[in-house]
Structure formats: structure tokens, C-alpha cells
Amino acid sequence: MLTTGAAVTNVTALAQVDREKIYQWINELSSPETRENALLELSKKRESVQDLAPMLWHSFGTIAALLQEIVNIYPSINPPTLTAHQSNRVCNALALLQCVASHPETRSAFLAAHIPLFLYPFLHTVSKTRPFEYLRLTSLGVIGALVKTDEQEVINFLLTTEIIPLCLRIMESGSELSKTVATFILQKILLDDTGLAYICQTYERFSHVAMILGKMVLQLSKEPSARLLKHVVRCYLRLSDNLRAREALRQCLPDQLKDSTFAQVLKDDTTTKRWLAQLVKNLQEGQVTDARGIPLAPQ
């Protein structure tokens, strides 16, 4: 019993030491001399310290210091001279902002301060070098953390910004991982009724989304990725919930989603196979056919 009590005391003491270190690192963010190491240490702890987000948000000067890290590398974006060291450092700052974006106590304030807009210049970059790819991926991770919460205020905020065209550009030309996160963000926007209505409100918005998804299907038929395909199919299925989009998709859904092109890729993925079958069914419902069951072209 004595041993157990001593162990508990040791764990408590260790936890207290850990918290003292967290407080120290947060304080060190305010000083340019100690900031880099503090960013590194805190980014390692963001999963294990449950209340790190409120501590970061409410401590004096911390968010300003994180934003300063972001703004400091704007000059390295154009012309693209970002180094691996610069990228790693700013990505540690972005990881802490992702922590703030994910937390229910700080998310609303994070949006009200329009902090995601500071990340958009990074999403505009097109350089294929690893420092830029890592920067884009980590920035997408912050937006992905926001949409993962399924909060209406998140979608409302994002629809007032340029996030959809930014995601579409990355979906077209980014790395597989960046494409996957960007498509996930678009999927989450579409799954919200306001987001679906926004994208289907004009033919230009819908056709831009449909064109990029179509290009992705063509690319996936050459270089398959089950994870990316899953998000693409889910986007198409959600678009088919809108009557006007459904009419358009009858004309422009890629043949590769109607035939057996992806049968091998999806052989163990029952969820995506079900979504794909539902998509095809949605597009067939209410369609006018001739006596042989062949769809008639719209008049």
C-alpha cells in the first residue's frame, strides 16, 4: 500500500513538473530568443496536454507571437525561397494554431479573429519543393481540424473566404496527401446544407467543382489511391442530393465511376462501394428512358 501511495505521489509530482515546463515554454514564446525551442517542445505536447489550447489563447502575447512566426515567412513565399528550417519552424507554430482551432473552448474566438486567413497565402503557393509541400499540408491540417468539428459556424465562416477555389487548386495539382486533405475539406463543406446550396447556387461554382473532381477520377484511374477515391466518391454522392447538380452529373459523371475501373481498388472497401452504388442509383432515378431502357437525351 505504501508503495502504491508513493507511486501516486511521484506521478502527481511528475505531472506538476510537466505543467511547470508547459507554463515556462508558453512564456518563452513571447521572446524571439527562446521562441524556436518553445515552439518545438509545445508542438510535441499538443496531443497530451488537454487544456493546452485555452492556455495558449488566454496567455499574454502568445497568439500574437504565433502570428508573427507566420507573417515572418511571407517574404520567402514569392519568390519561393523557403528553406526546410523555416518551414519546420513555422509548421510548429501552425501545429499550435491547429490545437486552438480544434478545441471547443477556443474555436469560436479563433474564427472571430479571422486567424485562418493568415494561412491562405501558404495555400496559394505552387512550388513543389518539400518545404512548401509541408507548409501547405500543415496549413490544410488547421482548416481540416476546423471542419472536422461539423460546426455550422465553421462552414459559415469558410464560405465567406476563398477556401473552395484554394482547395480545388490543390486537389488538381498537389501531392496525394495534400489532395486528400483538400478533398476532405470540400467534402465537409458539401455535407453541410449551406455548403451544398452555396456550391450548387451557380453553374460556374458547380462546374468548377465537377471539372476538378472529373480530372481527379481520370488521374486516379492511372494512379489509384483508395483513400483519395473515397473522398472523391463522397463528394459526388453529396452533389447528387441537389436536383440541379444531379441533372448535370447525368451528363458529366466520369465513365470510370460507372464501369469496373475501380473494382480492384475498392474490393475491400464496402463503404465506398456502397456510396458509388447509391450515386449511380441517384442519377438513374427520375431519368426518362426509351422502350429499351436507354436514357433519352434532355430536350
C-alpha atoms as a PDB file:
ATOM      1  CA  MET A   1       0.000   0.000   0.000  1.00  0.00           C
ATOM      2  CA  LEU A   2       2.876   2.289   0.887  1.00  0.00           C
ATOM      3  CA  THR A   3       4.455   1.592  -2.492  1.00  0.00           C
ATOM      4  CA  THR A   4       1.232   2.463  -4.343  1.00  0.00           C
ATOM      5  CA  GLY A   5       0.903   5.731  -2.413  1.00  0.00           C
ATOM      6  CA  ALA A   6       4.487   6.660  -3.196  1.00  0.00           C
ATOM      7  CA  ALA A   7       3.926   5.882  -6.894  1.00  0.00           C
ATOM      8  CA  VAL A   8       0.838   8.124  -6.985  1.00  0.00           C
ATOM      9  CA  THR A   9       2.808  10.921  -5.292  1.00  0.00           C
ATOM     10  CA  ASN A  10       5.607  10.510  -7.854  1.00  0.00           C
ATOM     11  CA  VAL A  11       3.145  10.633 -10.794  1.00  0.00           C
ATOM     12  CA  THR A  12       1.499  13.762  -9.352  1.00  0.00           C
ATOM     13  CA  ALA A  13       4.894  15.405  -8.831  1.00  0.00           C
ATOM     14  CA  LEU A  14       5.920  14.487 -12.373  1.00  0.00           C
ATOM     15  CA  ALA A  15       2.677  15.922 -13.778  1.00  0.00           C
ATOM     16  CA  GLN A  16       3.294  19.142 -11.836  1.00  0.00           C
ATOM     17  CA  VAL A  17       6.841  19.387 -13.189  1.00  0.00           C
ATOM     18  CA  ASP A  18       5.431  18.842 -16.710  1.00  0.00           C
ATOM     19  CA  ARG A  19       2.875  21.615 -16.241  1.00  0.00           C
ATOM     20  CA  GLU A  20       5.570  23.936 -14.942  1.00  0.00           C
ATOM     21  CA  LYS A  21       7.549  23.217 -18.115  1.00  0.00           C
ATOM     22  CA  ILE A  22       4.454  23.951 -20.249  1.00  0.00           C
ATOM     23  CA  TYR A  23       3.983  27.310 -18.485  1.00  0.00           C
ATOM     24  CA  GLN A  24       7.669  28.090 -18.984  1.00  0.00           C
ATOM     25  CA  TRP A  25       7.558  27.276 -22.724  1.00  0.00           C
ATOM     26  CA  ILE A  26       4.405  29.367 -23.202  1.00  0.00           C
ATOM     27  CA  ASN A  27       6.173  32.305 -21.544  1.00  0.00           C
ATOM     28  CA  GLU A  28       9.219  31.708 -23.752  1.00  0.00           C
ATOM     29  CA  LEU A  29       7.067  32.129 -26.899  1.00  0.00           C
ATOM     30  CA  SER A  30       6.955  35.868 -26.218  1.00  0.00           C
ATOM     31  CA  SER A  31      10.711  36.236 -26.602  1.00  0.00           C
ATOM     32  CA  PRO A  32      12.277  35.862 -30.080  1.00  0.00           C
ATOM     33  CA  GLU A  33      15.438  34.391 -28.487  1.00  0.00           C
ATOM     34  CA  THR A  34      13.653  31.464 -26.810  1.00  0.00           C
ATOM     35  CA  ARG A  35      10.684  31.066 -29.182  1.00  0.00           C
ATOM     36  CA  GLU A  36      12.051  28.440 -31.584  1.00  0.00           C
ATOM     37  CA  ASN A  37      12.739  25.817 -28.912  1.00  0.00           C
ATOM     38  CA  ALA A  38       9.443  26.614 -27.128  1.00  0.00           C
ATOM     39  CA  LEU A  39       7.543  26.073 -30.403  1.00  0.00           C
ATOM     40  CA  LEU A  40       9.219  22.696 -30.874  1.00  0.00           C
ATOM     41  CA  GLU A  41       8.580  21.492 -27.309  1.00  0.00           C
ATOM     42  CA  LEU A  42       4.956  22.673 -27.166  1.00  0.00           C
ATOM     43  CA  SER A  43       4.114  21.178 -30.568  1.00  0.00           C
ATOM     44  CA  LYS A  44       5.309  17.787 -29.231  1.00  0.00           C
ATOM     45  CA  LYS A  45       2.983  18.123 -26.222  1.00  0.00           C
ATOM     46  CA  ARG A  46      -0.171  19.297 -28.031  1.00  0.00           C
ATOM     47  CA  GLU A  47      -1.769  15.831 -28.054  1.00  0.00           C
ATOM     48  CA  SER A  48      -1.040  15.025 -24.406  1.00  0.00           C
ATOM     49  CA  VAL A  49      -1.949  18.333 -22.707  1.00  0.00           C
ATOM     50  CA  GLN A  50      -5.749  18.503 -22.928  1.00  0.00           C
ATOM     51  CA  ASP A  51      -6.112  22.178 -21.993  1.00  0.00           C
ATOM     52  CA  LEU A  52      -3.157  23.486 -23.984  1.00  0.00           C
ATOM     53  CA  ALA A  53      -5.428  25.425 -26.387  1.00  0.00           C
ATOM     54  CA  PRO A  54      -7.076  27.641 -23.700  1.00  0.00           C
ATOM     55  CA  MET A  55      -3.658  28.148 -22.091  1.00  0.00           C
ATOM     56  CA  LEU A  56      -2.225  29.354 -25.413  1.00  0.00           C
ATOM     57  CA  TRP A  57      -5.244  31.529 -26.244  1.00  0.00           C
ATOM     58  CA  HIS A  58      -5.532  33.264 -22.872  1.00  0.00           C
ATOM     59  CA  SER A  59      -1.832  33.779 -22.123  1.00  0.00           C
ATOM     60  CA  PHE A  60      -0.459  37.249 -22.838  1.00  0.00           C
ATOM     61  CA  GLY A  61       1.121  37.759 -26.265  1.00  0.00           C
ATOM     62  CA  THR A  62       1.098  34.078 -27.285  1.00  0.00           C
ATOM     63  CA  ILE A  63      -1.242  34.215 -30.297  1.00  0.00           C
ATOM     64  CA  ALA A  64       0.492  37.407 -31.469  1.00  0.00           C
ATOM     65  CA  ALA A  65       3.820  35.543 -31.302  1.00  0.00           C
ATOM     66  CA  LEU A  66       2.408  32.637 -33.357  1.00  0.00           C
ATOM     67  CA  LEU A  67       1.034  35.048 -35.964  1.00  0.00           C
ATOM     68  CA  GLN A  68       4.388  36.814 -36.058  1.00  0.00           C
ATOM     69  CA  GLU A  69       6.009  33.473 -36.951  1.00  0.00           C
ATOM     70  CA  ILE A  70       3.566  33.127 -39.864  1.00  0.00           C
ATOM     71  CA  VAL A  71       3.951  36.676 -41.163  1.00  0.00           C
ATOM     72  CA  ASN A  72       7.749  36.464 -40.881  1.00  0.00           C
ATOM     73  CA  ILE A  73       7.958  33.936 -43.730  1.00  0.00           C
ATOM     74  CA  TYR A  74       5.634  35.743 -46.155  1.00  0.00           C
ATOM     75  CA  PRO A  75       8.694  37.289 -47.888  1.00  0.00           C
ATOM     76  CA  SER A  76      10.025  33.747 -48.549  1.00  0.00           C
ATOM     77  CA  ILE A  77       6.888  32.783 -50.471  1.00  0.00           C
ATOM     78  CA  ASN A  78       7.378  34.990 -53.503  1.00  0.00           C
ATOM     79  CA  PRO A  79       9.915  34.474 -54.882  1.00  0.00           C
ATOM     80  CA  PRO A  80       9.852  30.944 -53.380  1.00  0.00           C
ATOM     81  CA  THR A  81      12.980  30.761 -51.220  1.00  0.00           C
ATOM     82  CA  LEU A  82      11.565  28.936 -48.173  1.00  0.00           C
ATOM     83  CA  THR A  83      14.142  26.648 -46.529  1.00  0.00           C
ATOM     84  CA  ALA A  84      13.477  23.381 -44.685  1.00  0.00           C
ATOM     85  CA  HIS A  85      14.431  25.052 -41.399  1.00  0.00           C
ATOM     86  CA  GLN A  86      11.998  27.938 -41.930  1.00  0.00           C
ATOM     87  CA  SER A  87       9.258  25.506 -42.949  1.00  0.00           C
ATOM     88  CA  ASN A  88       9.744  23.281 -39.884  1.00  0.00           C
ATOM     89  CA  ARG A  89       9.679  26.266 -37.556  1.00  0.00           C
ATOM     90  CA  VAL A  90       6.504  27.845 -38.958  1.00  0.00           C
ATOM     91  CA  CYS A  91       4.830  24.416 -39.100  1.00  0.00           C
ATOM     92  CA  ASN A  92       5.397  24.063 -35.342  1.00  0.00           C
ATOM     93  CA  ALA A  93       3.542  27.381 -34.917  1.00  0.00           C
ATOM     94  CA  LEU A  94       0.771  26.106 -37.233  1.00  0.00           C
ATOM     95  CA  ALA A  95       0.515  22.905 -35.177  1.00  0.00           C
ATOM     96  CA  LEU A  96      -0.228  25.011 -32.087  1.00  0.00           C
ATOM     97  CA  LEU A  97      -2.836  27.019 -34.017  1.00  0.00           C
ATOM     98  CA  GLN A  98      -4.418  23.701 -35.092  1.00  0.00           C
ATOM     99  CA  CYS A  99      -4.654  22.804 -31.408  1.00  0.00           C
ATOM    100  CA  VAL A 100      -6.529  26.101 -30.772  1.00  0.00           C
ATOM    101  CA  ALA A 101      -8.775  25.524 -33.819  1.00  0.00           C
ATOM    102  CA  SER A 102      -9.743  22.039 -32.593  1.00  0.00           C
ATOM    103  CA  HIS A 103     -10.655  22.954 -29.012  1.00  0.00           C
ATOM    104  CA  PRO A 104     -14.348  23.715 -28.280  1.00  0.00           C
ATOM    105  CA  GLU A 105     -13.415  26.488 -25.809  1.00  0.00           C
ATOM    106  CA  THR A 106     -11.239  28.427 -28.263  1.00  0.00           C
ATOM    107  CA  ARG A 107     -12.680  27.602 -31.719  1.00  0.00           C
ATOM    108  CA  SER A 108     -15.270  30.422 -31.864  1.00  0.00           C
ATOM    109  CA  ALA A 109     -12.765  33.062 -30.785  1.00  0.00           C
ATOM    110  CA  PHE A 110     -10.243  31.653 -33.286  1.00  0.00           C
ATOM    111  CA  LEU A 111     -12.793  32.170 -36.106  1.00  0.00           C
ATOM    112  CA  ALA A 112     -13.944  35.566 -34.827  1.00  0.00           C
ATOM    113  CA  ALA A 113     -10.316  36.746 -35.010  1.00  0.00           C
ATOM    114  CA  HIS A 114     -10.180  35.548 -38.671  1.00  0.00           C
ATOM    115  CA  ILE A 115      -6.931  33.713 -37.945  1.00  0.00           C
ATOM    116  CA  PRO A 116      -7.400  31.138 -40.774  1.00  0.00           C
ATOM    117  CA  LEU A 117      -6.945  33.998 -43.280  1.00  0.00           C
ATOM    118  CA  PHE A 118      -3.289  34.282 -42.220  1.00  0.00           C
ATOM    119  CA  LEU A 119      -2.781  30.760 -43.637  1.00  0.00           C
ATOM    120  CA  TYR A 120      -4.282  31.400 -47.081  1.00  0.00           C
ATOM    121  CA  PRO A 121      -1.080  32.866 -48.599  1.00  0.00           C
ATOM    122  CA  PHE A 122       0.523  29.461 -47.892  1.00  0.00           C
ATOM    123  CA  LEU A 123      -2.314  27.661 -49.700  1.00  0.00           C
ATOM    124  CA  HIS A 124      -1.765  29.954 -52.706  1.00  0.00           C
ATOM    125  CA  THR A 125       1.814  28.674 -53.174  1.00  0.00           C
ATOM    126  CA  VAL A 126       2.558  26.324 -56.063  1.00  0.00           C
ATOM    127  CA  SER A 127       6.218  25.376 -55.522  1.00  0.00           C
ATOM    128  CA  LYS A 128       6.669  21.587 -55.443  1.00  0.00           C
ATOM    129  CA  THR A 129       9.674  21.612 -53.093  1.00  0.00           C
ATOM    130  CA  ARG A 130       9.337  19.704 -49.811  1.00  0.00           C
ATOM    131  CA  PRO A 131       9.393  22.800 -47.542  1.00  0.00           C
ATOM    132  CA  PHE A 132       6.420  24.262 -49.451  1.00  0.00           C
ATOM    133  CA  GLU A 133       4.576  20.944 -49.633  1.00  0.00           C
ATOM    134  CA  TYR A 134       4.949  20.509 -45.855  1.00  0.00           C
ATOM    135  CA  LEU A 135       3.783  24.111 -45.312  1.00  0.00           C
ATOM    136  CA  ARG A 136       0.660  23.617 -47.456  1.00  0.00           C
ATOM    137  CA  LEU A 137      -0.145  20.279 -45.836  1.00  0.00           C
ATOM    138  CA  THR A 138       0.181  21.672 -42.284  1.00  0.00           C
ATOM    139  CA  SER A 139      -1.940  24.723 -43.220  1.00  0.00           C
ATOM    140  CA  LEU A 140      -4.614  22.428 -44.676  1.00  0.00           C
ATOM    141  CA  GLY A 141      -4.440  20.488 -41.404  1.00  0.00           C
ATOM    142  CA  VAL A 142      -5.580  23.584 -39.484  1.00  0.00           C
ATOM    143  CA  ILE A 143      -8.603  24.035 -41.802  1.00  0.00           C
ATOM    144  CA  GLY A 144      -9.239  20.276 -41.675  1.00  0.00           C
ATOM    145  CA  ALA A 145      -9.305  20.404 -37.868  1.00  0.00           C
ATOM    146  CA  LEU A 146     -11.938  23.159 -38.072  1.00  0.00           C
ATOM    147  CA  VAL A 147     -14.279  21.321 -40.471  1.00  0.00           C
ATOM    148  CA  LYS A 148     -13.880  18.012 -38.621  1.00  0.00           C
ATOM    149  CA  THR A 149     -15.938  19.502 -35.762  1.00  0.00           C
ATOM    150  CA  ASP A 150     -19.070  19.693 -38.009  1.00  0.00           C
ATOM    151  CA  GLU A 151     -19.907  23.101 -36.551  1.00  0.00           C
ATOM    152  CA  GLN A 152     -22.218  25.371 -38.551  1.00  0.00           C
ATOM    153  CA  GLU A 153     -20.229  28.487 -37.633  1.00  0.00           C
ATOM    154  CA  VAL A 154     -17.112  26.955 -39.196  1.00  0.00           C
ATOM    155  CA  ILE A 155     -18.839  26.392 -42.554  1.00  0.00           C
ATOM    156  CA  ASN A 156     -20.470  29.843 -42.427  1.00  0.00           C
ATOM    157  CA  PHE A 157     -17.050  31.409 -41.859  1.00  0.00           C
ATOM    158  CA  LEU A 158     -15.271  29.402 -44.585  1.00  0.00           C
ATOM    159  CA  LEU A 159     -17.936  30.259 -47.178  1.00  0.00           C
ATOM    160  CA  THR A 160     -17.104  33.951 -46.728  1.00  0.00           C
ATOM    161  CA  THR A 161     -13.487  33.190 -47.713  1.00  0.00           C
ATOM    162  CA  GLU A 162     -11.735  31.767 -50.799  1.00  0.00           C
ATOM    163  CA  ILE A 163     -11.197  28.289 -49.308  1.00  0.00           C
ATOM    164  CA  ILE A 164     -13.152  26.411 -52.027  1.00  0.00           C
ATOM    165  CA  PRO A 165     -11.067  27.624 -55.012  1.00  0.00           C
ATOM    166  CA  LEU A 166      -7.890  27.160 -52.950  1.00  0.00           C
ATOM    167  CA  CYS A 167      -8.828  23.553 -52.145  1.00  0.00           C
ATOM    168  CA  LEU A 168      -9.790  22.898 -55.779  1.00  0.00           C
ATOM    169  CA  ARG A 169      -6.393  24.058 -56.993  1.00  0.00           C
ATOM    170  CA  ILE A 170      -4.596  21.784 -54.515  1.00  0.00           C
ATOM    171  CA  MET A 171      -6.945  18.907 -55.444  1.00  0.00           C
ATOM    172  CA  GLU A 172      -5.847  19.343 -59.043  1.00  0.00           C
ATOM    173  CA  SER A 173      -2.101  19.709 -58.634  1.00  0.00           C
ATOM    174  CA  GLY A 174      -0.978  18.936 -55.057  1.00  0.00           C
ATOM    175  CA  SER A 175       0.730  15.838 -53.645  1.00  0.00           C
ATOM    176  CA  GLU A 176      -1.503  12.855 -52.871  1.00  0.00           C
ATOM    177  CA  LEU A 177      -1.603  13.717 -49.163  1.00  0.00           C
ATOM    178  CA  SER A 178      -2.443  17.390 -49.779  1.00  0.00           C
ATOM    179  CA  LYS A 179      -5.095  16.378 -52.325  1.00  0.00           C
ATOM    180  CA  THR A 180      -6.623  14.048 -49.742  1.00  0.00           C
ATOM    181  CA  VAL A 181      -6.891  16.735 -47.026  1.00  0.00           C
ATOM    182  CA  ALA A 182      -8.162  19.370 -49.502  1.00  0.00           C
ATOM    183  CA  THR A 183     -10.825  16.941 -50.801  1.00  0.00           C
ATOM    184  CA  PHE A 184     -11.810  16.097 -47.208  1.00  0.00           C
ATOM    185  CA  ILE A 185     -12.337  19.840 -46.534  1.00  0.00           C
ATOM    186  CA  LEU A 186     -14.506  20.167 -49.662  1.00  0.00           C
ATOM    187  CA  GLN A 187     -16.437  17.045 -48.626  1.00  0.00           C
ATOM    188  CA  LYS A 188     -17.159  18.507 -45.192  1.00  0.00           C
ATOM    189  CA  ILE A 189     -18.357  21.782 -46.751  1.00  0.00           C
ATOM    190  CA  LEU A 190     -20.631  19.835 -49.137  1.00  0.00           C
ATOM    191  CA  LEU A 191     -22.061  17.695 -46.323  1.00  0.00           C
ATOM    192  CA  ASP A 192     -23.374  20.883 -44.710  1.00  0.00           C
ATOM    193  CA  ASP A 193     -26.680  22.002 -46.283  1.00  0.00           C
ATOM    194  CA  THR A 194     -25.487  25.609 -46.528  1.00  0.00           C
ATOM    195  CA  GLY A 195     -22.272  24.480 -48.204  1.00  0.00           C
ATOM    196  CA  LEU A 196     -24.098  22.273 -50.731  1.00  0.00           C
ATOM    197  CA  ALA A 197     -26.526  25.097 -51.572  1.00  0.00           C
ATOM    198  CA  TYR A 198     -23.621  27.547 -51.967  1.00  0.00           C
ATOM    199  CA  ILE A 199     -21.704  25.317 -54.410  1.00  0.00           C
ATOM    200  CA  CYS A 200     -24.831  24.468 -56.430  1.00  0.00           C
ATOM    201  CA  GLN A 201     -26.143  28.066 -56.428  1.00  0.00           C
ATOM    202  CA  THR A 202     -24.444  28.977 -59.713  1.00  0.00           C
ATOM    203  CA  TYR A 203     -23.420  26.868 -62.682  1.00  0.00           C
ATOM    204  CA  GLU A 204     -19.886  28.350 -62.526  1.00  0.00           C
ATOM    205  CA  ARG A 205     -19.313  27.102 -58.957  1.00  0.00           C
ATOM    206  CA  PHE A 206     -20.750  23.666 -59.629  1.00  0.00           C
ATOM    207  CA  SER A 207     -18.936  23.217 -62.939  1.00  0.00           C
ATOM    208  CA  HIS A 208     -15.579  24.189 -61.377  1.00  0.00           C
ATOM    209  CA  VAL A 209     -16.037  21.553 -58.649  1.00  0.00           C
ATOM    210  CA  ALA A 210     -17.288  18.926 -61.134  1.00  0.00           C
ATOM    211  CA  MET A 211     -14.409  19.632 -63.537  1.00  0.00           C
ATOM    212  CA  ILE A 212     -11.745  19.169 -60.840  1.00  0.00           C
ATOM    213  CA  LEU A 213     -13.418  16.014 -59.462  1.00  0.00           C
ATOM    214  CA  GLY A 214     -13.557  14.650 -63.024  1.00  0.00           C
ATOM    215  CA  LYS A 215      -9.842  15.308 -63.545  1.00  0.00           C
ATOM    216  CA  MET A 216      -9.107  13.570 -60.247  1.00  0.00           C
ATOM    217  CA  VAL A 217     -11.071  10.469 -61.277  1.00  0.00           C
ATOM    218  CA  LEU A 218      -9.087  10.320 -64.522  1.00  0.00           C
ATOM    219  CA  GLN A 219      -5.811  10.652 -62.599  1.00  0.00           C
ATOM    220  CA  LEU A 220      -6.916   8.048 -60.027  1.00  0.00           C
ATOM    221  CA  SER A 221      -7.646   5.567 -62.818  1.00  0.00           C
ATOM    222  CA  LYS A 222      -3.920   5.809 -63.692  1.00  0.00           C
ATOM    223  CA  GLU A 223      -2.500   6.154 -60.166  1.00  0.00           C
ATOM    224  CA  PRO A 224      -5.036   4.607 -57.738  1.00  0.00           C
ATOM    225  CA  SER A 225      -5.389   5.760 -54.127  1.00  0.00           C
ATOM    226  CA  ALA A 226      -8.246   4.166 -52.185  1.00  0.00           C
ATOM    227  CA  ARG A 227      -8.195   6.914 -49.530  1.00  0.00           C
ATOM    228  CA  LEU A 228      -8.408   9.765 -52.028  1.00  0.00           C
ATOM    229  CA  LEU A 229     -11.009   7.962 -54.150  1.00  0.00           C
ATOM    230  CA  LYS A 230     -13.211   7.543 -51.072  1.00  0.00           C
ATOM    231  CA  HIS A 231     -13.406  11.325 -50.555  1.00  0.00           C
ATOM    232  CA  VAL A 232     -13.983  11.987 -54.273  1.00  0.00           C
ATOM    233  CA  VAL A 233     -16.887   9.498 -54.412  1.00  0.00           C
ATOM    234  CA  ARG A 234     -18.398  11.003 -51.238  1.00  0.00           C
ATOM    235  CA  CYS A 235     -18.250  14.481 -52.824  1.00  0.00           C
ATOM    236  CA  TYR A 236     -20.043  13.214 -55.944  1.00  0.00           C
ATOM    237  CA  LEU A 237     -22.666  11.403 -53.860  1.00  0.00           C
ATOM    238  CA  ARG A 238     -23.399  14.543 -51.847  1.00  0.00           C
ATOM    239  CA  LEU A 239     -23.643  16.664 -55.016  1.00  0.00           C
ATOM    240  CA  SER A 240     -26.256  14.205 -56.304  1.00  0.00           C
ATOM    241  CA  ASP A 241     -28.512  15.209 -53.373  1.00  0.00           C
ATOM    242  CA  ASN A 242     -29.078  18.523 -55.159  1.00  0.00           C
ATOM    243  CA  LEU A 243     -31.610  18.217 -58.001  1.00  0.00           C
ATOM    244  CA  ARG A 244     -29.887  20.641 -60.384  1.00  0.00           C
ATOM    245  CA  ALA A 245     -26.497  19.079 -59.724  1.00  0.00           C
ATOM    246  CA  ARG A 246     -27.990  15.612 -60.245  1.00  0.00           C
ATOM    247  CA  GLU A 247     -29.223  16.628 -63.708  1.00  0.00           C
ATOM    248  CA  ALA A 248     -25.785  17.939 -64.622  1.00  0.00           C
ATOM    249  CA  LEU A 249     -23.988  14.867 -63.227  1.00  0.00           C
ATOM    250  CA  ARG A 250     -26.039  12.620 -65.508  1.00  0.00           C
ATOM    251  CA  GLN A 251     -24.120  14.241 -68.359  1.00  0.00           C
ATOM    252  CA  CYS A 252     -20.679  14.671 -66.796  1.00  0.00           C
ATOM    253  CA  LEU A 253     -20.088  11.823 -64.307  1.00  0.00           C
ATOM    254  CA  PRO A 254     -16.856  10.135 -65.455  1.00  0.00           C
ATOM    255  CA  ASP A 255     -17.316   6.712 -67.105  1.00  0.00           C
ATOM    256  CA  GLN A 256     -14.666   5.284 -64.754  1.00  0.00           C
ATOM    257  CA  LEU A 257     -17.179   5.588 -61.903  1.00  0.00           C
ATOM    258  CA  LYS A 258     -19.838   3.730 -63.901  1.00  0.00           C
ATOM    259  CA  ASP A 259     -17.751   0.791 -65.131  1.00  0.00           C
ATOM    260  CA  SER A 260     -15.373  -1.589 -63.315  1.00  0.00           C
ATOM    261  CA  THR A 261     -12.284   0.675 -63.454  1.00  0.00           C
ATOM    262  CA  PHE A 262     -12.009   0.882 -59.655  1.00  0.00           C
ATOM    263  CA  ALA A 263     -13.309  -2.607 -58.810  1.00  0.00           C
ATOM    264  CA  GLN A 264      -9.855  -3.820 -57.717  1.00  0.00           C
ATOM    265  CA  VAL A 265      -9.055  -0.675 -55.681  1.00  0.00           C
ATOM    266  CA  LEU A 266     -12.392  -0.877 -53.832  1.00  0.00           C
ATOM    267  CA  LYS A 267     -12.629  -4.647 -53.418  1.00  0.00           C
ATOM    268  CA  ASP A 268     -12.205  -4.433 -49.616  1.00  0.00           C
ATOM    269  CA  ASP A 269     -13.871  -1.021 -49.146  1.00  0.00           C
ATOM    270  CA  THR A 270     -17.555  -1.766 -48.612  1.00  0.00           C
ATOM    271  CA  THR A 271     -18.393   1.811 -47.585  1.00  0.00           C
ATOM    272  CA  THR A 272     -17.095   3.435 -50.785  1.00  0.00           C
ATOM    273  CA  LYS A 273     -18.650   0.674 -52.921  1.00  0.00           C
ATOM    274  CA  ARG A 274     -21.991   1.401 -51.254  1.00  0.00           C
ATOM    275  CA  TRP A 275     -21.606   5.145 -51.851  1.00  0.00           C
ATOM    276  CA  LEU A 276     -20.743   4.526 -55.503  1.00  0.00           C
ATOM    277  CA  ALA A 277     -23.782   2.265 -55.986  1.00  0.00           C
ATOM    278  CA  GLN A 278     -26.003   4.894 -54.325  1.00  0.00           C
ATOM    279  CA  LEU A 279     -24.552   7.607 -56.580  1.00  0.00           C
ATOM    280  CA  VAL A 280     -25.331   5.620 -59.744  1.00  0.00           C
ATOM    281  CA  LYS A 281     -28.825   4.854 -58.389  1.00  0.00           C
ATOM    282  CA  ASN A 282     -29.457   8.543 -57.610  1.00  0.00           C
ATOM    283  CA  LEU A 283     -28.521   9.507 -61.163  1.00  0.00           C
ATOM    284  CA  GLN A 284     -30.810   6.859 -62.658  1.00  0.00           C
ATOM    285  CA  GLU A 285     -33.865   7.830 -60.591  1.00  0.00           C
ATOM    286  CA  GLY A 286     -36.378  10.006 -62.437  1.00  0.00           C
ATOM    287  CA  GLN A 287     -34.465   9.637 -65.690  1.00  0.00           C
ATOM    288  CA  VAL A 288     -36.575   9.353 -68.854  1.00  0.00           C
ATOM    289  CA  THR A 289     -35.743   6.229 -70.897  1.00  0.00           C
ATOM    290  CA  ASP A 290     -36.931   4.758 -74.188  1.00  0.00           C
ATOM    291  CA  ALA A 291     -38.624   1.367 -74.585  1.00  0.00           C
ATOM    292  CA  ARG A 292     -35.250  -0.400 -74.353  1.00  0.00           C
ATOM    293  CA  GLY A 293     -34.404   1.321 -71.048  1.00  0.00           C
ATOM    294  CA  ILE A 294     -31.783   3.584 -72.677  1.00  0.00           C
ATOM    295  CA  PRO A 295     -31.752   7.131 -71.223  1.00  0.00           C
ATOM    296  CA  LEU A 296     -33.104   9.776 -73.562  1.00  0.00           C
ATOM    297  CA  ALA A 297     -31.162  12.988 -74.048  1.00  0.00           C
ATOM    298  CA  PRO A 298     -32.807  16.008 -72.403  1.00  0.00           C
ATOM    299  CA  GLN A 299     -34.868  18.173 -74.794  1.00  0.00           C
END
